[in-house]
C-alpha atoms as a PDB file:
ATOM      1  CA  ALA A   1      23.472 -21.159   8.679  1.00  0.00           C
ATOM      2  CA  LEU A   2      20.907 -23.522  10.197  1.00  0.00           C
ATOM      3  CA  GLU A   3      18.443 -23.290   7.306  1.00  0.00           C
ATOM      4  CA  ILE A   4      15.690 -22.252   9.703  1.00  0.00           C
ATOM      5  CA  GLU A   5      12.705 -20.629   7.844  1.00  0.00           C
ATOM      6  CA  TYR A   6      11.696 -17.259   9.269  1.00  0.00           C
ATOM      7  CA  ILE A   7       8.121 -16.012   9.507  1.00  0.00           C
ATOM      8  CA  THR A   8       6.737 -12.751  10.699  1.00  0.00           C
ATOM      9  CA  ILE A   9       3.021 -11.942  11.561  1.00  0.00           C
ATOM     10  CA  LEU A  10       1.254  -8.680  11.149  1.00  0.00           C
ATOM     11  CA  GLN A  11      -0.956  -8.917  14.244  1.00  0.00           C
ATOM     12  CA  PRO A  12      -4.497  -7.666  14.714  1.00  0.00           C
ATOM     13  CA  VAL A  13      -4.897  -4.495  16.785  1.00  0.00           C
ATOM     14  CA  MET A  14      -8.078  -2.747  17.799  1.00  0.00           C
ATOM     15  CA  GLY A  15      -8.834   0.418  15.820  1.00  0.00           C
ATOM     16  CA  ILE A  16      -7.098  -0.320  12.548  1.00  0.00           C
ATOM     17  CA  LYS A  17      -9.179   0.148   9.403  1.00  0.00           C
ATOM     18  CA  GLY A  18     -11.657  -2.677   8.655  1.00  0.00           C
ATOM     19  CA  VAL A  19     -13.082  -5.257  10.958  1.00  0.00           C
ATOM     20  CA  GLN A  20     -10.824  -4.163  13.840  1.00  0.00           C
ATOM     21  CA  SER A  21     -12.592  -0.802  13.909  1.00  0.00           C
ATOM     22  CA  LYS A  22     -16.191  -1.948  13.848  1.00  0.00           C
ATOM     23  CA  LEU A  23     -18.187  -1.810  16.878  1.00  0.00           C
ATOM     24  CA  PRO A  24     -19.814  -4.990  18.063  1.00  0.00           C
ATOM     25  CA  ARG A  25     -23.576  -5.298  18.100  1.00  0.00           C
ATOM     26  CA  ASP A  26     -23.577  -5.871  21.859  1.00  0.00           C
ATOM     27  CA  LYS A  27     -23.272  -2.533  23.510  1.00  0.00           C
ATOM     28  CA  ASN A  28     -22.572  -4.218  26.788  1.00  0.00           C
ATOM     29  CA  SER A  29     -19.594  -6.226  25.620  1.00  0.00           C
ATOM     30  CA  VAL A  30     -16.039  -5.466  26.827  1.00  0.00           C
ATOM     31  CA  ASP A  31     -14.980  -4.983  23.240  1.00  0.00           C
ATOM     32  CA  TYR A  32     -17.776  -2.371  22.586  1.00  0.00           C
ATOM     33  CA  GLU A  33     -16.690  -0.213  25.590  1.00  0.00           C
ATOM     34  CA  LEU A  34     -12.962  -0.569  24.706  1.00  0.00           C
ATOM     35  CA  LEU A  35     -13.503   0.449  21.061  1.00  0.00           C
ATOM     36  CA  ALA A  36     -15.977   3.204  21.778  1.00  0.00           C
ATOM     37  CA  ASP A  37     -13.389   4.725  24.350  1.00  0.00           C
ATOM     38  CA  LEU A  38     -10.690   4.347  21.736  1.00  0.00           C
ATOM     39  CA  ASN A  39     -12.687   6.163  19.005  1.00  0.00           C
ATOM     40  CA  LYS A  40     -13.697   8.959  21.467  1.00  0.00           C
ATOM     41  CA  ASN A  41     -10.489   9.619  23.283  1.00  0.00           C
ATOM     42  CA  ARG A  42      -7.590   8.468  21.194  1.00  0.00           C
ATOM     43  CA  SER A  43      -8.043   9.908  17.688  1.00  0.00           C
ATOM     44  CA  ASP A  44      -4.302  10.754  17.404  1.00  0.00           C
ATOM     45  CA  TYR A  45      -3.378   7.317  18.385  1.00  0.00           C
ATOM     46  CA  ILE A  46      -5.666   5.807  15.694  1.00  0.00           C
ATOM     47  CA  LYS A  47      -4.224   8.092  12.975  1.00  0.00           C
ATOM     48  CA  ILE A  48      -0.677   6.915  13.775  1.00  0.00           C
ATOM     49  CA  LEU A  49      -1.778   3.266  14.136  1.00  0.00           C
ATOM     50  CA  ASN A  50      -3.512   3.318  10.828  1.00  0.00           C
ATOM     51  CA  SER A  51      -0.670   5.150   9.081  1.00  0.00           C
ATOM     52  CA  PHE A  52       1.764   2.376  10.327  1.00  0.00           C
ATOM     53  CA  TYR A  53      -0.498  -0.411   9.354  1.00  0.00           C
ATOM     54  CA  ASP A  54      -1.212   1.035   5.850  1.00  0.00           C
ATOM     55  CA  GLU A  55       2.519   0.879   5.284  1.00  0.00           C
ATOM     56  CA  ALA A  56       3.069  -2.438   7.058  1.00  0.00           C
ATOM     57  CA  LYS A  57       0.440  -4.205   4.955  1.00  0.00           C
ATOM     58  CA  ILE A  58       2.143  -3.065   1.671  1.00  0.00           C
ATOM     59  CA  ILE A  59       5.527  -4.281   2.875  1.00  0.00           C
ATOM     60  CA  CYS A  60       4.032  -7.465   4.263  1.00  0.00           C
ATOM     61  CA  LYS A  61       2.517  -8.389   0.883  1.00  0.00           C
ATOM     62  CA  GLU A  62       5.916  -8.013  -0.777  1.00  0.00           C
ATOM     63  CA  LEU A  63       7.607 -10.448   1.638  1.00  0.00           C
ATOM     64  CA  SER A  64       7.301 -14.241   1.152  1.00  0.00           C
ATOM     65  CA  PHE A  65       7.755 -14.772   4.959  1.00  0.00           C
ATOM     66  CA  CYS A  66       5.205 -12.207   6.171  1.00  0.00           C
ATOM     67  CA  TYR A  67       1.528 -13.121   7.035  1.00  0.00           C
ATOM     68  CA  ASP A  68      -0.998 -10.415   7.479  1.00  0.00           C
ATOM     69  CA  LEU A  69      -3.334 -11.539  10.298  1.00  0.00           C
ATOM     70  CA  SER A  70      -4.618  -8.059  10.999  1.00  0.00           C
ATOM     71  CA  ASN A  71      -8.250  -8.876  10.100  1.00  0.00           C
ATOM     72  CA  ILE A  72      -8.775 -11.941  12.445  1.00  0.00           C
ATOM     73  CA  ALA A  73     -10.073 -11.938  16.005  1.00  0.00           C
ATOM     74  CA  PRO A  74     -11.928  -8.570  15.645  1.00  0.00           C
ATOM     75  CA  PRO A  75     -13.567  -6.786  18.574  1.00  0.00           C
ATOM     76  CA  ASN A  76     -16.936  -8.629  18.318  1.00  0.00           C
ATOM     77  CA  GLY A  77     -17.613  -9.003  21.951  1.00  0.00           C
ATOM     78  CA  GLN A  78     -14.916 -10.627  24.092  1.00  0.00           C
ATOM     79  CA  ASN A  79     -11.756 -10.857  21.939  1.00  0.00           C
ATOM     80  CA  TYR A  80      -9.835  -8.084  23.663  1.00  0.00           C
ATOM     81  CA  THR A  81      -8.723  -7.431  27.299  1.00  0.00           C
ATOM     82  CA  ASP A  82      -7.684  -3.766  26.501  1.00  0.00           C
ATOM     83  CA  GLN A  83      -7.286  -1.652  23.494  1.00  0.00           C
ATOM     84  CA  ARG A  84      -4.084  -3.381  22.386  1.00  0.00           C
ATOM     85  CA  HIS A  85      -4.260  -6.920  23.726  1.00  0.00           C
ATOM     86  CA  HIS A  86      -6.339  -9.804  22.848  1.00  0.00           C
ATOM     87  CA  SER A  87      -8.158 -11.862  25.538  1.00  0.00           C
ATOM     88  CA  LYS A  88      -7.696 -15.670  25.953  1.00  0.00           C
ATOM     89  CA  LYS A  89     -10.471 -16.084  23.343  1.00  0.00           C
ATOM     90  CA  GLY A  90      -8.852 -13.719  20.918  1.00  0.00           C
ATOM     91  CA  ASN A  91      -5.417 -15.253  21.392  1.00  0.00           C
ATOM     92  CA  TYR A  92      -6.778 -18.650  20.635  1.00  0.00           C
ATOM     93  CA  ILE A  93      -8.184 -17.490  17.361  1.00  0.00           C
ATOM     94  CA  ILE A  94      -4.813 -15.944  16.444  1.00  0.00           C
ATOM     95  CA  ALA A  95      -2.872 -19.073  17.632  1.00  0.00           C
ATOM     96  CA  LYS A  96      -4.978 -21.311  15.458  1.00  0.00           C
ATOM     97  CA  GLU A  97      -4.051 -19.139  12.433  1.00  0.00           C
ATOM     98  CA  ILE A  98      -0.438 -19.197  13.103  1.00  0.00           C
ATOM     99  CA  TYR A  99      -0.532 -22.988  13.716  1.00  0.00           C
ATOM    100  CA  GLN A 100      -2.171 -23.377  10.130  1.00  0.00           C
ATOM    101  CA  ILE A 101       0.608 -21.281   8.667  1.00  0.00           C
ATOM    102  CA  ILE A 102       3.328 -23.311  10.262  1.00  0.00           C
ATOM    103  CA  LYS A 103       1.535 -26.525   9.336  1.00  0.00           C
ATOM    104  CA  GLU A 104       1.289 -25.593   5.708  1.00  0.00           C
ATOM    105  CA  LYS A 105       4.971 -24.560   5.582  1.00  0.00           C
ATOM    106  CA  ILE A 106       5.873 -27.978   6.882  1.00  0.00           C
ATOM    107  CA  ILE A 107       3.618 -29.884   4.611  1.00  0.00           C
ATOM    108  CA  ASN A 108       4.805 -27.951   1.566  1.00  0.00           C
ATOM    109  CA  LYS A 109       8.460 -28.467   2.236  1.00  0.00           C
END
């Protein structure tokens, strides 16, 4: 009714296949500890997470208003505060990507 464009974001989460499941080089980093713990103690959670993301990525590709950002802000040192939430640094990376998406949509109107 208001002609507002809708967008949805498939967010990055530690442990999903690809860059979000690669241990950082710095073994003393927060992200290394979090991901190592996730891999060691939460294998059932990782299976469920990846099953969901496998399906969500397929659906997202089919939707014109869905943007898959699941590969940005990986656990490369200090991008996470816990196994599900990004740090200030990680959120900044994600926010920059969302800003670019919105900016492109406005420009291309």
